[in-house]
Amino acid sequence: MIRILVADDHPVVRRGLKQILAEDPELAVPAEAQDGHEVLALVRAHPWDVVLLDLTLPDRSGLEVLKEVKRERPKLPVLVLSIHPEEQFALRVLKAGAAGYLTKGSAPQELVAAVRKVAGGGRYISAGVAEQLAIGLERSDRPPHEALSDREDEILRLIASGKTVTQIAAHLALSVKTVSTYRARILEKMHMSSNAELIHYAARNHLAD
């Protein structure tokens, strides 16, 4: 039996995922988590074969949770399931240690196949992501935001969503000074001078939620 921890902040989504996985008699979902704190507590408390992790959690970034899970249990496969298109996050989460990436628009049978593959020690990526992995890192015309760190990328997206530095600091449990430093670094790396430019860039590249 493959034991799966399902982590998503929406009860309806969790129920739907459990129903899909329950159609395979060898897959079991003994527990669910609705935020990052619960994910880490359950990972520490019980043995799992796969963690099915949403990137958008209410208390902290799913990317941060992924990294923490890999620090706690390096061999535990984490399959990321997200509303975000592959081109936005797939490479970033794979670099952070995920065993696979699926969008929530994937077919149910693809989800089951992905869970089985990562539980067996493999990686699950689409043909599009495989192509990105093969040629994307070698391209000289990569968009500027791909050079940002994970935290910088997260703050860029929060700025793009209209949040102020103070709101971002509260959301990420950081000081206003720290967020301001990140913002300055983002502007420098992106060769921009204002939030307005960042917001326009994010909209053009579909980075804002």
C-alpha atoms as a PDB file:
ATOM      1  CA  MET A   1       0.000   0.000   0.000  1.00  0.00           C
ATOM      2  CA  ILE A   2       1.303   3.446  -0.983  1.00  0.00           C
ATOM      3  CA  ARG A   3       0.638   5.918   1.846  1.00  0.00           C
ATOM      4  CA  ILE A   4       0.003   9.464   0.583  1.00  0.00           C
ATOM      5  CA  LEU A   5      -0.179  12.705   2.537  1.00  0.00           C
ATOM      6  CA  VAL A   6      -2.421  15.170   0.671  1.00  0.00           C
ATOM      7  CA  ALA A   7      -1.715  18.856   1.389  1.00  0.00           C
ATOM      8  CA  ASP A   8      -4.054  21.545   0.059  1.00  0.00           C
ATOM      9  CA  ASP A   9      -5.830  24.422   1.773  1.00  0.00           C
ATOM     10  CA  HIS A  10      -9.169  23.759   0.048  1.00  0.00           C
ATOM     11  CA  PRO A  11     -11.330  20.976   1.588  1.00  0.00           C
ATOM     12  CA  VAL A  12     -13.138  20.366  -1.716  1.00  0.00           C
ATOM     13  CA  VAL A  13      -9.824  19.874  -3.542  1.00  0.00           C
ATOM     14  CA  ARG A  14      -8.563  17.486  -0.863  1.00  0.00           C
ATOM     15  CA  ARG A  15     -11.763  15.454  -1.080  1.00  0.00           C
ATOM     16  CA  GLY A  16     -11.520  15.293  -4.867  1.00  0.00           C
ATOM     17  CA  LEU A  17      -7.894  14.158  -4.737  1.00  0.00           C
ATOM     18  CA  LYS A  18      -8.735  11.472  -2.180  1.00  0.00           C
ATOM     19  CA  GLN A  19     -11.570  10.172  -4.366  1.00  0.00           C
ATOM     20  CA  ILE A  20      -9.320   9.988  -7.421  1.00  0.00           C
ATOM     21  CA  LEU A  21      -6.559   8.188  -5.524  1.00  0.00           C
ATOM     22  CA  ALA A  22      -9.030   5.831  -3.796  1.00  0.00           C
ATOM     23  CA  GLU A  23      -9.956   4.369  -7.181  1.00  0.00           C
ATOM     24  CA  ASP A  24      -6.596   2.580  -7.114  1.00  0.00           C
ATOM     25  CA  PRO A  25      -6.723  -0.127  -4.406  1.00  0.00           C
ATOM     26  CA  GLU A  26      -2.986   0.196  -3.768  1.00  0.00           C
ATOM     27  CA  LEU A  27      -3.179   3.909  -2.901  1.00  0.00           C
ATOM     28  CA  ALA A  28      -4.244   5.168   0.528  1.00  0.00           C
ATOM     29  CA  VAL A  29      -4.641   8.680   1.992  1.00  0.00           C
ATOM     30  CA  PRO A  30      -4.547   8.207   5.792  1.00  0.00           C
ATOM     31  CA  ALA A  31      -4.260  11.938   6.530  1.00  0.00           C
ATOM     32  CA  GLU A  32      -4.625  15.408   5.051  1.00  0.00           C
ATOM     33  CA  ALA A  33      -2.975  18.771   5.757  1.00  0.00           C
ATOM     34  CA  GLN A  34      -4.412  22.220   5.109  1.00  0.00           C
ATOM     35  CA  ASP A  35      -1.286  24.298   5.731  1.00  0.00           C
ATOM     36  CA  GLY A  36       2.490  24.090   5.967  1.00  0.00           C
ATOM     37  CA  HIS A  37       2.517  23.607   9.726  1.00  0.00           C
ATOM     38  CA  GLU A  38       0.313  20.519   9.447  1.00  0.00           C
ATOM     39  CA  VAL A  39       2.389  19.113   6.594  1.00  0.00           C
ATOM     40  CA  LEU A  40       5.604  19.273   8.609  1.00  0.00           C
ATOM     41  CA  ALA A  41       3.973  17.929  11.776  1.00  0.00           C
ATOM     42  CA  LEU A  42       2.542  14.931   9.895  1.00  0.00           C
ATOM     43  CA  VAL A  43       5.794  14.289   8.013  1.00  0.00           C
ATOM     44  CA  ARG A  44       7.640  14.155  11.328  1.00  0.00           C
ATOM     45  CA  ALA A  45       5.025  11.986  13.035  1.00  0.00           C
ATOM     46  CA  HIS A  46       4.294   9.258  10.461  1.00  0.00           C
ATOM     47  CA  PRO A  47       5.950   7.277   7.667  1.00  0.00           C
ATOM     48  CA  TRP A  48       4.832   8.305   4.160  1.00  0.00           C
ATOM     49  CA  ASP A  49       5.531   7.048   0.673  1.00  0.00           C
ATOM     50  CA  VAL A  50       4.526  10.264  -1.124  1.00  0.00           C
ATOM     51  CA  VAL A  51       3.568  13.818  -0.206  1.00  0.00           C
ATOM     52  CA  LEU A  52       1.143  15.451  -2.655  1.00  0.00           C
ATOM     53  CA  LEU A  53       1.799  19.146  -2.056  1.00  0.00           C
ATOM     54  CA  ASP A  54      -0.023  22.250  -3.242  1.00  0.00           C
ATOM     55  CA  LEU A  55       2.279  25.240  -3.800  1.00  0.00           C
ATOM     56  CA  THR A  56      -0.226  27.771  -2.479  1.00  0.00           C
ATOM     57  CA  LEU A  57      -0.667  27.292   1.267  1.00  0.00           C
ATOM     58  CA  PRO A  58      -2.144  29.879   3.652  1.00  0.00           C
ATOM     59  CA  ASP A  59       0.632  30.096   6.241  1.00  0.00           C
ATOM     60  CA  ARG A  60       3.820  29.780   4.188  1.00  0.00           C
ATOM     61  CA  SER A  61       5.086  29.194   0.676  1.00  0.00           C
ATOM     62  CA  GLY A  62       4.689  25.645  -0.606  1.00  0.00           C
ATOM     63  CA  LEU A  63       8.227  25.961  -1.947  1.00  0.00           C
ATOM     64  CA  GLU A  64       9.500  26.612   1.582  1.00  0.00           C
ATOM     65  CA  VAL A  65       7.507  23.642   2.873  1.00  0.00           C
ATOM     66  CA  LEU A  66       8.978  21.463   0.131  1.00  0.00           C
ATOM     67  CA  LYS A  67      12.522  22.416   1.149  1.00  0.00           C
ATOM     68  CA  GLU A  68      11.765  21.777   4.828  1.00  0.00           C
ATOM     69  CA  VAL A  69      10.261  18.361   4.043  1.00  0.00           C
ATOM     70  CA  LYS A  70      13.385  17.450   2.068  1.00  0.00           C
ATOM     71  CA  ARG A  71      15.579  18.553   4.977  1.00  0.00           C
ATOM     72  CA  GLU A  72      13.543  16.422   7.392  1.00  0.00           C
ATOM     73  CA  ARG A  73      13.116  13.420   5.081  1.00  0.00           C
ATOM     74  CA  PRO A  74      15.529  13.646   2.131  1.00  0.00           C
ATOM     75  CA  LYS A  75      14.308  10.403   0.533  1.00  0.00           C
ATOM     76  CA  LEU A  76      10.573  11.166   0.818  1.00  0.00           C
ATOM     77  CA  PRO A  77       9.166  11.908  -2.683  1.00  0.00           C
ATOM     78  CA  VAL A  78       7.179  15.129  -2.948  1.00  0.00           C
ATOM     79  CA  LEU A  79       4.845  15.527  -5.926  1.00  0.00           C
ATOM     80  CA  VAL A  80       3.836  19.165  -6.399  1.00  0.00           C
ATOM     81  CA  LEU A  81       0.320  19.861  -7.663  1.00  0.00           C
ATOM     82  CA  SER A  82      -0.361  23.488  -8.562  1.00  0.00           C
ATOM     83  CA  ILE A  83      -2.701  25.839 -10.380  1.00  0.00           C
ATOM     84  CA  HIS A  84       0.347  27.563 -11.858  1.00  0.00           C
ATOM     85  CA  PRO A  85       1.420  26.629 -15.405  1.00  0.00           C
ATOM     86  CA  GLU A  86       4.484  24.438 -15.738  1.00  0.00           C
ATOM     87  CA  GLU A  87       6.601  27.148 -17.325  1.00  0.00           C
ATOM     88  CA  GLN A  88       6.245  29.296 -14.199  1.00  0.00           C
ATOM     89  CA  PHE A  89       7.209  26.862 -11.453  1.00  0.00           C
ATOM     90  CA  ALA A  90       8.175  23.381 -12.651  1.00  0.00           C
ATOM     91  CA  LEU A  91      11.912  23.936 -12.968  1.00  0.00           C
ATOM     92  CA  ARG A  92      12.051  25.842  -9.691  1.00  0.00           C
ATOM     93  CA  VAL A  93      10.334  23.118  -7.652  1.00  0.00           C
ATOM     94  CA  LEU A  94      12.358  20.336  -9.297  1.00  0.00           C
ATOM     95  CA  LYS A  95      15.560  22.186  -8.375  1.00  0.00           C
ATOM     96  CA  ALA A  96      14.231  22.467  -4.825  1.00  0.00           C
ATOM     97  CA  GLY A  97      13.914  18.693  -4.584  1.00  0.00           C
ATOM     98  CA  ALA A  98      10.429  17.805  -5.826  1.00  0.00           C
ATOM     99  CA  ALA A  99      10.055  14.418  -7.502  1.00  0.00           C
ATOM    100  CA  GLY A 100       7.498  15.745  -9.960  1.00  0.00           C
ATOM    101  CA  TYR A 101       5.191  18.589 -10.976  1.00  0.00           C
ATOM    102  CA  LEU A 102       1.591  18.468 -12.137  1.00  0.00           C
ATOM    103  CA  THR A 103      -0.931  21.206 -12.808  1.00  0.00           C
ATOM    104  CA  LYS A 104      -4.430  20.908 -11.357  1.00  0.00           C
ATOM    105  CA  GLY A 105      -5.735  20.703 -14.904  1.00  0.00           C
ATOM    106  CA  SER A 106      -4.121  17.281 -15.344  1.00  0.00           C
ATOM    107  CA  ALA A 107      -6.284  14.216 -15.977  1.00  0.00           C
ATOM    108  CA  PRO A 108      -7.060  11.965 -12.972  1.00  0.00           C
ATOM    109  CA  GLN A 109      -5.240   9.017 -14.523  1.00  0.00           C
ATOM    110  CA  GLU A 110      -2.135  11.195 -14.925  1.00  0.00           C
ATOM    111  CA  LEU A 111      -2.230  12.012 -11.214  1.00  0.00           C
ATOM    112  CA  VAL A 112      -2.404   8.320 -10.299  1.00  0.00           C
ATOM    113  CA  ALA A 113       0.432   7.486 -12.702  1.00  0.00           C
ATOM    114  CA  ALA A 114       2.541  10.301 -11.274  1.00  0.00           C
ATOM    115  CA  VAL A 115       1.998   9.164  -7.670  1.00  0.00           C
ATOM    116  CA  ARG A 116       2.920   5.588  -8.566  1.00  0.00           C
ATOM    117  CA  LYS A 117       6.041   6.668 -10.435  1.00  0.00           C
ATOM    118  CA  VAL A 118       7.470   8.912  -7.693  1.00  0.00           C
ATOM    119  CA  ALA A 119       6.574   6.350  -5.014  1.00  0.00           C
ATOM    120  CA  GLY A 120       8.721   3.889  -6.954  1.00  0.00           C
ATOM    121  CA  GLY A 121      11.699   6.223  -6.885  1.00  0.00           C
ATOM    122  CA  GLY A 122      11.201   7.847 -10.269  1.00  0.00           C
ATOM    123  CA  ARG A 123      10.484  11.398 -11.360  1.00  0.00           C
ATOM    124  CA  TYR A 124       7.354  12.577 -13.085  1.00  0.00           C
ATOM    125  CA  ILE A 125       7.524  15.444 -15.549  1.00  0.00           C
ATOM    126  CA  SER A 126       5.575  16.272 -18.669  1.00  0.00           C
ATOM    127  CA  ALA A 127       7.131  16.359 -22.120  1.00  0.00           C
ATOM    128  CA  GLY A 128       7.060  20.169 -21.935  1.00  0.00           C
ATOM    129  CA  VAL A 129       9.027  20.240 -18.685  1.00  0.00           C
ATOM    130  CA  ALA A 130      11.486  17.674 -20.037  1.00  0.00           C
ATOM    131  CA  GLU A 131      12.145  19.996 -22.945  1.00  0.00           C
ATOM    132  CA  GLN A 132      12.654  22.914 -20.555  1.00  0.00           C
ATOM    133  CA  LEU A 133      15.143  20.845 -18.568  1.00  0.00           C
ATOM    134  CA  ALA A 134      16.978  19.827 -21.728  1.00  0.00           C
ATOM    135  CA  ILE A 135      17.368  23.241 -23.336  1.00  0.00           C
ATOM    136  CA  GLY A 136      15.996  25.913 -20.999  1.00  0.00           C
ATOM    137  CA  LEU A 137      19.035  26.246 -18.765  1.00  0.00           C
ATOM    138  CA  GLU A 138      21.337  26.686 -21.745  1.00  0.00           C
ATOM    139  CA  ARG A 139      19.431  29.533 -23.325  1.00  0.00           C
ATOM    140  CA  SER A 140      20.958  32.996 -23.157  1.00  0.00           C
ATOM    141  CA  ASP A 141      17.578  34.691 -23.630  1.00  0.00           C
ATOM    142  CA  ARG A 142      16.003  33.440 -20.405  1.00  0.00           C
ATOM    143  CA  PRO A 143      13.574  35.987 -18.905  1.00  0.00           C
ATOM    144  CA  PRO A 144      15.074  38.103 -16.075  1.00  0.00           C
ATOM    145  CA  HIS A 145      12.836  36.707 -13.329  1.00  0.00           C
ATOM    146  CA  GLU A 146      14.354  33.241 -13.759  1.00  0.00           C
ATOM    147  CA  ALA A 147      17.596  34.599 -12.295  1.00  0.00           C
ATOM    148  CA  LEU A 148      15.859  35.489  -9.017  1.00  0.00           C
ATOM    149  CA  SER A 149      16.199  33.352  -5.905  1.00  0.00           C
ATOM    150  CA  ASP A 150      13.109  31.523  -4.661  1.00  0.00           C
ATOM    151  CA  ARG A 151      12.469  34.188  -1.999  1.00  0.00           C
ATOM    152  CA  GLU A 152      12.993  37.021  -4.487  1.00  0.00           C
ATOM    153  CA  ASP A 153      10.618  35.358  -6.922  1.00  0.00           C
ATOM    154  CA  GLU A 154       8.009  34.992  -4.178  1.00  0.00           C
ATOM    155  CA  ILE A 155       8.313  38.670  -3.211  1.00  0.00           C
ATOM    156  CA  LEU A 156       8.132  39.746  -6.851  1.00  0.00           C
ATOM    157  CA  ARG A 157       4.819  37.880  -7.202  1.00  0.00           C
ATOM    158  CA  LEU A 158       3.476  39.442  -4.007  1.00  0.00           C
ATOM    159  CA  ILE A 159       4.437  42.929  -5.221  1.00  0.00           C
ATOM    160  CA  ALA A 160       2.746  42.126  -8.515  1.00  0.00           C
ATOM    161  CA  SER A 161      -0.423  41.109  -6.673  1.00  0.00           C
ATOM    162  CA  GLY A 162      -0.618  44.627  -5.215  1.00  0.00           C
ATOM    163  CA  LYS A 163       0.717  44.034  -1.703  1.00  0.00           C
ATOM    164  CA  THR A 164       2.757  46.736   0.014  1.00  0.00           C
ATOM    165  CA  VAL A 165       6.147  46.096   1.617  1.00  0.00           C
ATOM    166  CA  THR A 166       4.475  46.162   5.045  1.00  0.00           C
ATOM    167  CA  GLN A 167       1.825  43.629   3.969  1.00  0.00           C
ATOM    168  CA  ILE A 168       4.471  41.362   2.432  1.00  0.00           C
ATOM    169  CA  ALA A 169       6.541  41.533   5.621  1.00  0.00           C
ATOM    170  CA  ALA A 170       3.513  40.475   7.694  1.00  0.00           C
ATOM    171  CA  HIS A 171       2.595  37.714   5.231  1.00  0.00           C
ATOM    172  CA  LEU A 172       6.110  36.223   5.216  1.00  0.00           C
ATOM    173  CA  ALA A 173       6.899  36.918   8.894  1.00  0.00           C
ATOM    174  CA  LEU A 174       9.877  39.067   7.900  1.00  0.00           C
ATOM    175  CA  SER A 175      10.862  42.578   8.928  1.00  0.00           C
ATOM    176  CA  VAL A 176       9.935  45.504   6.690  1.00  0.00           C
ATOM    177  CA  LYS A 177      13.659  46.245   6.343  1.00  0.00           C
ATOM    178  CA  THR A 178      14.348  42.706   5.095  1.00  0.00           C
ATOM    179  CA  VAL A 179      11.557  42.882   2.522  1.00  0.00           C
ATOM    180  CA  SER A 180      12.796  46.297   1.389  1.00  0.00           C
ATOM    181  CA  THR A 181      16.269  44.804   0.904  1.00  0.00           C
ATOM    182  CA  TYR A 182      14.818  41.984  -1.189  1.00  0.00           C
ATOM    183  CA  ARG A 183      12.815  44.506  -3.218  1.00  0.00           C
ATOM    184  CA  ALA A 184      15.957  46.545  -3.921  1.00  0.00           C
ATOM    185  CA  ARG A 185      17.802  43.391  -4.974  1.00  0.00           C
ATOM    186  CA  ILE A 186      14.940  42.387  -7.288  1.00  0.00           C
ATOM    187  CA  LEU A 187      14.919  45.813  -8.931  1.00  0.00           C
ATOM    188  CA  GLU A 188      18.691  45.611  -9.423  1.00  0.00           C
ATOM    189  CA  LYS A 189      18.597  42.121 -10.934  1.00  0.00           C
ATOM    190  CA  MET A 190      15.650  43.019 -13.166  1.00  0.00           C
ATOM    191  CA  HIS A 191      17.262  46.335 -14.210  1.00  0.00           C
ATOM    192  CA  MET A 192      14.167  48.242 -13.118  1.00  0.00           C
ATOM    193  CA  SER A 193      13.578  51.243 -10.882  1.00  0.00           C
ATOM    194  CA  SER A 194      10.019  51.048  -9.541  1.00  0.00           C
ATOM    195  CA  ASN A 195       7.197  48.793  -8.396  1.00  0.00           C
ATOM    196  CA  ALA A 196       5.190  49.948 -11.393  1.00  0.00           C
ATOM    197  CA  GLU A 197       7.789  48.433 -13.733  1.00  0.00           C
ATOM    198  CA  LEU A 198       7.783  45.194 -11.739  1.00  0.00           C
ATOM    199  CA  ILE A 199       3.983  44.997 -11.824  1.00  0.00           C
ATOM    200  CA  HIS A 200       3.914  45.646 -15.572  1.00  0.00           C
ATOM    201  CA  TYR A 201       6.582  42.972 -16.142  1.00  0.00           C
ATOM    202  CA  ALA A 202       4.739  40.460 -13.954  1.00  0.00           C
ATOM    203  CA  ALA A 203       1.467  41.068 -15.781  1.00  0.00           C
ATOM    204  CA  ARG A 204       3.153  40.663 -19.172  1.00  0.00           C
ATOM    205  CA  ASN A 205       4.749  37.384 -18.056  1.00  0.00           C
ATOM    206  CA  HIS A 206       1.649  36.085 -16.222  1.00  0.00           C
ATOM    207  CA  LEU A 207       3.418  36.001 -12.834  1.00  0.00           C
ATOM    208  CA  ALA A 208       0.673  37.590 -10.741  1.00  0.00           C
ATOM    209  CA  ASP A 209      -2.132  35.432  -9.266  1.00  0.00           C
END
